Amino acid sequence: MSEGDGSAAARRRTGRAPQTTADNGPWEEHLVKYLFASTLISASLFVFPSMPAVAQSIDIGPGGVRVDPRSSRERDRDEIRRDERREEFRDERRGSIRREERLRRDGDDDDDD
């Protein structure tokens, strides 16, 4: 039996020519695994779109580089809080100024008597 007879026998049993590892490169042997893994990864990106992404802001200016790891929603919320605190401070300051003015007026009225 020659080598050619062996391939003919293998072809008859399987219906195709036998594959040799010399013809296949290292990536071709694992092609199905790579395709399956990449399909799973890409499918998971579409199936789980609600997963939070890490968002950050990078500012480069005269003061140097500043990295802000908060999301845009967190930055907006912090800005609203900052504005509310600023308004509270202004209201408290206005109230204390009015009290001081009232005390001065009351004190000036008492001196006239």
Protein backbone atom coordinates (compact mmCIF):
# COMPACT_ATOMS: atom_id res chain seq x y z
CA MET A 1 0.00 0.00 0.00
CA SER A 2 1.42 3.33 -0.99
CA GLU A 3 0.83 6.69 0.62
CA GLY A 4 -1.63 7.62 -2.09
CA ASP A 5 -3.76 4.61 -1.23
CA GLY A 6 -4.02 5.78 2.40
CA SER A 7 -5.38 9.18 1.36
CA ALA A 8 -7.86 7.56 -0.97
CA ALA A 9 -9.06 5.30 1.85
CA ALA A 10 -9.39 8.27 4.21
CA ARG A 11 -11.29 10.17 1.56
CA ARG A 12 -13.73 7.30 1.12
CA ARG A 13 -14.36 7.01 4.88
CA THR A 14 -14.96 10.72 5.61
CA GLY A 15 -15.97 12.03 2.24
CA ARG A 16 -13.17 14.59 2.22
CA ALA A 17 -9.43 14.73 1.96
CA PRO A 18 -7.50 14.30 5.21
CA GLN A 19 -6.12 17.49 6.72
CA THR A 20 -2.53 17.71 7.69
CA THR A 21 -1.20 20.07 10.33
CA ALA A 22 1.49 21.24 7.95
CA ASP A 23 -1.15 22.99 5.83
CA ASN A 24 -2.72 24.81 8.76
CA GLY A 25 -0.99 27.70 10.49
CA PRO A 26 -1.22 28.14 14.26
CA TRP A 27 -4.05 30.67 13.98
CA GLU A 28 -6.04 28.51 11.59
CA GLU A 29 -6.24 25.69 14.13
CA HIS A 30 -7.96 27.98 16.64
CA LEU A 31 -9.97 30.03 14.15
CA VAL A 32 -13.31 28.66 15.35
CA LYS A 33 -12.44 29.48 18.97
CA TYR A 34 -11.40 33.01 18.03
CA LEU A 35 -14.55 33.57 15.99
CA PHE A 36 -16.74 32.22 18.78
CA ALA A 37 -15.04 34.38 21.42
CA SER A 38 -15.24 37.53 19.28
CA THR A 39 -18.91 36.83 18.54
CA LEU A 40 -19.65 36.48 22.27
CA ILE A 41 -17.82 39.71 23.06
CA SER A 42 -19.58 41.71 20.36
CA ALA A 43 -22.96 40.23 21.28
CA SER A 44 -22.43 41.13 24.94
CA LEU A 45 -21.83 44.75 23.96
CA PHE A 46 -25.26 44.87 22.34
CA VAL A 47 -27.05 42.82 25.00
CA PHE A 48 -25.78 44.89 27.94
CA PRO A 49 -25.87 48.49 26.69
CA SER A 50 -27.08 49.74 30.06
CA MET A 51 -23.78 48.94 31.74
CA PRO A 52 -22.21 52.17 32.96
CA ALA A 53 -19.19 53.40 31.15
CA VAL A 54 -16.33 55.09 32.87
CA ALA A 55 -16.55 58.69 31.83
CA GLN A 56 -14.08 61.33 32.77
CA SER A 57 -13.15 64.81 31.88
CA ILE A 58 -9.60 65.86 31.11
CA ASP A 59 -8.87 69.59 31.18
CA ILE A 60 -5.58 71.01 30.01
CA GLY A 61 -5.03 74.62 30.88
CA PRO A 62 -2.56 77.14 32.25
CA GLY A 63 -2.83 75.53 35.69
CA GLY A 64 -1.78 72.15 34.31
CA VAL A 65 -3.66 68.96 33.58
CA ARG A 66 -6.75 68.10 35.61
CA VAL A 67 -8.55 64.74 35.42
CA ASP A 68 -12.10 64.54 36.71
CA PRO A 69 -13.25 60.89 37.06
CA ARG A 70 -16.90 61.80 37.69
CA SER A 71 -19.57 61.19 35.08
CA SER A 72 -21.32 64.12 33.42
CA ARG A 73 -24.41 63.43 35.55
CA GLU A 74 -22.35 63.65 38.74
CA ARG A 75 -20.70 66.87 37.55
CA ASP A 76 -24.11 68.40 36.80
CA ARG A 77 -25.45 67.35 40.19
CA ASP A 78 -22.40 68.84 41.94
CA GLU A 79 -22.86 72.08 40.03
CA ILE A 80 -26.50 72.30 41.16
CA ARG A 81 -25.46 71.67 44.77
CA ARG A 82 -22.76 74.32 44.50
CA ASP A 83 -25.27 76.84 43.16
CA GLU A 84 -27.72 76.01 45.98
CA ARG A 85 -25.00 76.46 48.62
CA ARG A 86 -23.95 79.74 47.05
CA GLU A 87 -27.55 80.97 47.15
CA GLU A 88 -27.92 79.87 50.80
CA PHE A 89 -24.72 81.71 51.68
CA ARG A 90 -25.98 84.85 49.93
CA ASP A 91 -29.32 84.63 51.79
CA GLU A 92 -27.54 84.20 55.14
CA ARG A 93 -25.19 87.08 54.37
CA ARG A 94 -28.09 89.34 53.34
CA GLY A 95 -29.95 88.42 56.54
CA SER A 96 -26.95 89.25 58.73
CA ILE A 97 -26.41 92.58 56.93
CA ARG A 98 -30.09 93.48 57.45
CA ARG A 99 -29.85 92.57 61.16
CA GLU A 100 -26.74 94.74 61.55
CA GLU A 101 -28.46 97.66 59.79
CA ARG A 102 -31.53 97.26 61.99
CA LEU A 103 -29.39 97.20 65.14
CA ARG A 104 -27.58 100.34 63.99
CA ARG A 105 -30.86 102.12 63.31
CA ASP A 106 -32.30 101.01 66.63
CA GLY A 107 -29.08 102.07 68.34
CA ASP A 108 -29.17 105.46 66.61
CA ASP A 109 -32.81 105.99 67.63
CA ASP A 110 -31.97 105.31 71.30
CA ASP A 111 -29.15 107.89 71.28
CA ASP A 112 -31.57 110.66 70.17
CA ASP A 113 -33.75 110.28 73.30
